[in-house]
């Protein structure tokens, strides 16, 4: 028998982007097998003038109301409107904020979109992300002195995602592939500021990951050689020798997540934490 969904209106009202609300609303809806929400998202609602059209929309299509509004006056206006209509409403952040207030012993600032504040840390992350993208896969070696970290490794050792993750922490990271027989950039051997780290993994792991790669559009790779464990073992031997020769630390990423690899790199350079 065909499963028929019960559709309901879900109004998501936020004084920020609404991402928190959408995640919460969808997570809750997923727990009800026969229910499907029709989402109405209202972001950046920060004044009475902005809220009034939202109240009219709720009138027209009644349903569940979830919101993240830190302004008490607006929140009370919304709650009162829902009570008059007999509709359920919930401030998703309020219970969490209450827990924080009790534990920390101080009231919250109740500032809208505080998590998206564009301060110095925000701009440092943006600068680091731009640097990581510009210096992916050995690009722009003349700028390596500006890096905080330089990651080396044979193909499929998670260099790029690790660099992006570190950039999200505000760490300017370049990554360079190690290819047997291909010289590394001269600038790499003269930089003094960046931490240089080599990433390795087992031959089996690298072969497995490379097997999933789309090789049709990749020039310069022989598919059989690229996934051959013996050939990969030689690549890793070369990479280890290169790092040992230059006193660059090596991290085995075989059983590490990207987050764990990034944490291991930061541990090698405490001032980057």
Protein backbone atom coordinates (compact mmCIF):
# COMPACT_ATOMS: atom_id res chain seq x y z
CA UNK A 1 0.00 0.00 0.00
CA UNK A 2 1.34 3.45 -0.94
CA UNK A 3 2.50 5.51 1.98
CA UNK A 4 0.62 8.82 2.03
CA UNK A 5 2.38 11.76 3.58
CA UNK A 6 0.59 14.25 5.81
CA UNK A 7 1.78 17.68 4.74
CA UNK A 8 1.95 20.55 7.21
CA UNK A 9 3.23 24.11 7.14
CA UNK A 10 6.46 24.79 9.03
CA UNK A 11 7.29 28.47 9.57
CA UNK A 12 10.97 29.12 10.35
CA UNK A 13 11.67 32.67 11.53
CA UNK A 14 15.20 33.86 12.26
CA UNK A 15 17.03 37.08 13.00
CA UNK A 16 20.05 35.52 11.27
CA UNK A 17 20.44 33.25 8.23
CA UNK A 18 17.95 30.59 9.37
CA UNK A 19 20.41 27.71 8.95
CA UNK A 20 20.08 26.60 12.58
CA UNK A 21 16.31 26.54 12.30
CA UNK A 22 16.28 24.60 9.03
CA UNK A 23 18.54 21.94 10.52
CA UNK A 24 16.41 21.64 13.65
CA UNK A 25 13.13 21.60 11.75
CA UNK A 26 14.27 18.95 9.28
CA UNK A 27 15.78 16.80 12.03
CA UNK A 28 12.49 16.87 13.93
CA UNK A 29 10.35 16.23 10.82
CA UNK A 30 12.50 13.21 9.94
CA UNK A 31 11.34 11.51 13.14
CA UNK A 32 7.77 11.36 11.82
CA UNK A 33 7.52 8.84 9.01
CA UNK A 34 4.18 9.98 7.62
CA UNK A 35 4.78 13.72 7.93
CA UNK A 36 6.28 16.09 5.38
CA UNK A 37 6.81 19.78 6.05
CA UNK A 38 6.19 22.64 3.66
CA UNK A 39 8.90 25.05 4.77
CA UNK A 40 8.46 28.81 4.91
CA UNK A 41 11.78 30.44 5.83
CA UNK A 42 11.98 34.08 6.95
CA UNK A 43 15.61 35.13 7.59
CA UNK A 44 16.96 38.41 9.02
CA UNK A 45 13.77 39.37 10.89
CA UNK A 46 15.01 42.03 13.30
CA UNK A 47 12.23 44.61 13.59
CA UNK A 48 8.49 44.82 14.18
CA UNK A 49 8.04 46.12 10.63
CA UNK A 50 9.78 43.01 9.24
CA UNK A 51 7.83 40.67 11.51
CA UNK A 52 4.31 41.88 10.67
CA UNK A 53 4.24 40.40 7.12
CA UNK A 54 5.45 37.12 8.62
CA UNK A 55 2.52 37.09 11.01
CA UNK A 56 0.18 37.61 8.05
CA UNK A 57 1.80 34.67 6.27
CA UNK A 58 1.22 32.49 9.34
CA UNK A 59 -2.43 33.59 9.34
CA UNK A 60 -2.78 32.52 5.71
CA UNK A 61 -1.10 29.13 6.13
CA UNK A 62 -1.26 28.01 9.79
CA UNK A 63 1.22 25.44 11.05
CA UNK A 64 4.12 24.89 13.43
CA UNK A 65 6.23 27.98 14.17
CA UNK A 66 9.90 27.69 15.11
CA UNK A 67 12.07 30.73 15.61
CA UNK A 68 15.45 32.02 16.72
CA UNK A 69 14.86 35.64 17.69
CA UNK A 70 16.90 37.03 20.57
CA UNK A 71 14.93 40.29 20.86
CA UNK A 72 12.45 39.63 23.68
CA UNK A 73 9.81 42.10 22.42
CA UNK A 74 9.69 40.49 18.97
CA UNK A 75 9.69 36.99 20.44
CA UNK A 76 6.76 37.87 22.74
CA UNK A 77 4.84 39.41 19.86
CA UNK A 78 5.29 36.23 17.83
CA UNK A 79 4.34 33.96 20.73
CA UNK A 80 1.21 35.99 21.49
CA UNK A 81 0.14 35.86 17.85
CA UNK A 82 0.54 32.08 17.79
CA UNK A 83 -1.42 31.73 21.04
CA UNK A 84 -4.33 33.68 19.56
CA UNK A 85 -4.35 31.36 16.54
CA UNK A 86 -3.96 28.24 18.68
CA UNK A 87 -0.67 27.36 16.96
CA UNK A 88 2.40 25.79 18.57
CA UNK A 89 5.53 27.94 18.64
CA UNK A 90 9.00 27.39 20.06
CA UNK A 91 12.10 29.51 20.45
CA UNK A 92 14.73 26.95 19.50
CA UNK A 93 17.67 28.76 21.13
CA UNK A 94 16.02 29.81 24.41
CA UNK A 95 16.40 26.48 26.31
CA UNK A 96 20.04 26.26 25.25
CA UNK A 97 20.71 29.87 26.27
CA UNK A 98 19.08 29.24 29.65
CA UNK A 99 21.46 26.34 30.29
CA UNK A 100 24.42 28.55 29.41
CA UNK A 101 23.18 31.39 31.62
CA UNK A 102 22.70 29.11 34.64
CA UNK A 103 26.12 27.49 34.24
CA UNK A 104 28.07 30.67 33.41
CA UNK A 105 26.21 32.81 35.93
CA UNK A 106 25.63 35.71 33.58
CA UNK A 107 22.93 36.78 31.12
CA UNK A 108 23.39 36.45 27.39
CA UNK A 109 24.04 39.54 25.28
CA UNK A 110 21.03 38.74 23.06
CA UNK A 111 22.74 40.03 19.97
CA UNK A 112 21.28 38.90 16.64
CA UNK A 113 23.59 36.87 14.39
CA UNK A 114 26.42 37.05 16.92
CA UNK A 115 27.87 33.80 15.56
CA UNK A 116 28.42 35.53 12.21
CA UNK A 117 30.21 38.58 13.62
CA UNK A 118 32.71 39.85 11.05
CA UNK A 119 35.66 40.47 13.35
CA UNK A 120 39.39 40.04 12.81
CA UNK A 121 39.13 36.24 13.14
CA UNK A 122 36.49 36.14 10.41
CA UNK A 123 38.65 38.08 7.97
CA UNK A 124 41.69 35.96 8.88
CA UNK A 125 39.72 32.84 7.93
CA UNK A 126 38.66 34.36 4.62
CA UNK A 127 42.27 35.33 3.85
CA UNK A 128 43.45 31.84 4.78
CA UNK A 129 40.81 30.20 2.57
CA UNK A 130 41.81 32.36 -0.37
CA UNK A 131 45.45 31.47 0.23
CA UNK A 132 44.70 27.74 0.41
CA UNK A 133 42.77 27.81 -2.87
CA UNK A 134 45.46 29.88 -4.63
CA UNK A 135 48.23 27.57 -3.40
CA UNK A 136 46.54 24.23 -3.98
CA UNK A 137 48.53 21.45 -5.65
CA UNK A 138 51.82 23.31 -5.84
CA UNK A 139 50.56 26.59 -7.30
CA UNK A 140 52.26 29.98 -6.77
CA UNK A 141 55.42 28.71 -5.00
CA UNK A 142 56.83 32.24 -4.92
CA UNK A 143 54.41 33.04 -2.07
CA UNK A 144 55.32 30.16 0.25
CA UNK A 145 56.95 32.52 2.75
CA UNK A 146 53.45 33.82 3.55
CA UNK A 147 52.19 30.38 4.60
CA UNK A 148 51.75 29.16 8.16
CA UNK A 149 51.86 25.52 7.04
CA UNK A 150 52.99 23.72 3.90
CA UNK A 151 51.69 20.19 3.39
CA UNK A 152 53.53 17.68 1.21
CA UNK A 153 52.37 14.24 0.14
CA UNK A 154 51.87 11.75 -2.66
CA UNK A 155 48.56 11.74 -4.47
CA UNK A 156 45.47 10.89 -2.36
CA UNK A 157 46.85 11.65 1.10
CA UNK A 158 44.12 14.26 1.79
CA UNK A 159 46.35 17.28 1.27
CA UNK A 160 43.70 19.61 -0.14
CA UNK A 161 40.87 18.89 2.35
CA UNK A 162 43.33 19.18 5.23
CA UNK A 163 44.54 22.54 3.89
CA UNK A 164 40.95 23.77 3.57
CA UNK A 165 40.11 22.60 7.09
CA UNK A 166 43.14 24.42 8.50
CA UNK A 167 42.18 27.52 6.53
CA UNK A 168 38.79 27.45 8.25
CA UNK A 169 40.77 27.76 11.46
CA UNK A 170 42.58 30.81 10.06
CA UNK A 171 45.78 28.90 9.22
CA UNK A 172 47.25 29.83 5.82
CA UNK A 173 48.14 26.51 4.24
CA UNK A 174 49.73 25.53 0.93
CA UNK A 175 49.93 21.96 -0.36
CA UNK A 176 52.41 20.40 -2.77
CA UNK A 177 52.26 16.96 -4.44
CA UNK A 178 55.27 14.69 -4.15
CA UNK A 179 55.82 12.96 -7.49
CA UNK A 180 58.81 10.64 -7.96
CA UNK A 181 61.22 12.24 -10.42
CA UNK A 182 59.58 15.69 -10.29
CA UNK A 183 61.57 18.38 -8.49
CA UNK A 184 59.91 20.30 -5.70
CA UNK A 185 59.81 24.13 -5.96
CA UNK A 186 63.13 25.75 -5.06
CA UNK A 187 61.34 28.18 -2.73
CA UNK A 188 60.31 25.30 -0.49
CA UNK A 189 63.91 24.83 0.65
CA UNK A 190 64.51 28.47 1.53
CA UNK A 191 61.38 29.38 3.53
CA UNK A 192 61.91 29.88 7.24
CA UNK A 193 58.47 30.71 8.65
CA UNK A 194 56.10 27.91 7.62
CA UNK A 195 55.85 24.52 9.24
CA UNK A 196 56.46 21.89 6.53
CA UNK A 197 54.74 18.53 7.09
CA UNK A 198 54.65 15.36 5.02
CA UNK A 199 51.51 13.20 4.85
CA UNK A 200 51.67 9.47 4.18
CA UNK A 201 49.34 6.47 4.35
CA UNK A 202 49.57 2.75 3.73
CA UNK A 203 49.88 1.47 0.17
CA UNK A 204 46.58 -0.38 0.54
CA UNK A 205 44.72 2.72 1.66
CA UNK A 206 46.12 4.94 -1.09
CA UNK A 207 45.43 2.29 -3.74
CA UNK A 208 41.84 1.98 -2.53
CA UNK A 209 41.25 5.74 -2.60
CA UNK A 210 42.90 6.13 -5.99
CA UNK A 211 40.69 3.38 -7.36
CA UNK A 212 37.66 5.63 -6.84
CA UNK A 213 39.21 8.52 -8.71
CA UNK A 214 37.90 9.46 -12.14
CA UNK A 215 40.98 8.98 -14.32
CA UNK A 216 39.39 9.63 -17.69
CA UNK A 217 40.02 13.37 -17.60
CA UNK A 218 43.33 13.24 -15.75
CA UNK A 219 46.40 13.55 -17.94
CA UNK A 220 49.73 11.97 -17.09
CA UNK A 221 48.44 9.01 -15.08
CA UNK A 222 48.59 5.39 -16.09
CA UNK A 223 45.58 3.85 -14.26
CA UNK A 224 47.33 0.52 -13.68
CA UNK A 225 50.49 2.16 -12.34
CA UNK A 226 48.51 4.74 -10.36
CA UNK A 227 46.75 2.11 -8.23
CA UNK A 228 49.52 -0.51 -8.18
CA UNK A 229 50.52 -1.17 -4.56
CA UNK A 230 54.17 -1.86 -5.39
CA UNK A 231 54.44 1.41 -7.30
CA UNK A 232 52.72 3.26 -4.46
CA UNK A 233 55.16 1.71 -1.98
CA UNK A 234 58.03 3.19 -4.01
CA UNK A 235 56.31 6.59 -4.02
CA UNK A 236 55.96 6.45 -0.24
CA UNK A 237 59.57 5.35 0.19
CA UNK A 238 60.68 8.35 -1.84
CA UNK A 239 58.41 10.68 0.15
CA UNK A 240 59.68 9.41 3.51
CA UNK A 241 63.30 9.75 2.41
CA UNK A 242 62.66 13.29 1.19
CA UNK A 243 61.10 14.33 4.49
CA UNK A 244 63.82 12.64 6.53
CA UNK A 245 66.54 14.37 4.51
CA UNK A 246 65.01 17.77 5.21
CA UNK A 247 63.92 17.07 8.81
CA UNK A 248 60.26 17.54 7.93
CA UNK A 249 57.86 15.74 10.30
CA UNK A 250 55.64 13.02 8.81
CA UNK A 251 52.05 12.18 9.76
CA UNK A 252 50.40 8.88 8.82
CA UNK A 253 46.81 9.68 7.80
CA UNK A 254 45.69 6.07 7.18
CA UNK A 255 43.27 5.97 10.11
CA UNK A 256 42.90 9.68 10.74
CA UNK A 257 39.98 11.89 9.84
CA UNK A 258 40.72 15.29 8.29
CA UNK A 259 40.04 16.87 11.68
CA UNK A 260 42.50 14.53 13.39
CA UNK A 261 45.18 15.20 10.80
CA UNK A 262 44.70 18.96 11.21
CA UNK A 263 44.92 18.60 15.00
CA UNK A 264 48.17 16.65 14.66
CA UNK A 265 49.60 19.41 12.46
CA UNK A 266 48.56 22.11 14.91
CA UNK A 267 50.18 20.14 17.72
CA UNK A 268 53.47 20.43 15.85
CA UNK A 269 53.08 24.19 15.77
CA UNK A 270 51.48 25.20 19.11
CA UNK A 271 51.34 28.89 18.26
CA UNK A 272 48.81 28.08 15.50
CA UNK A 273 46.20 26.74 17.96
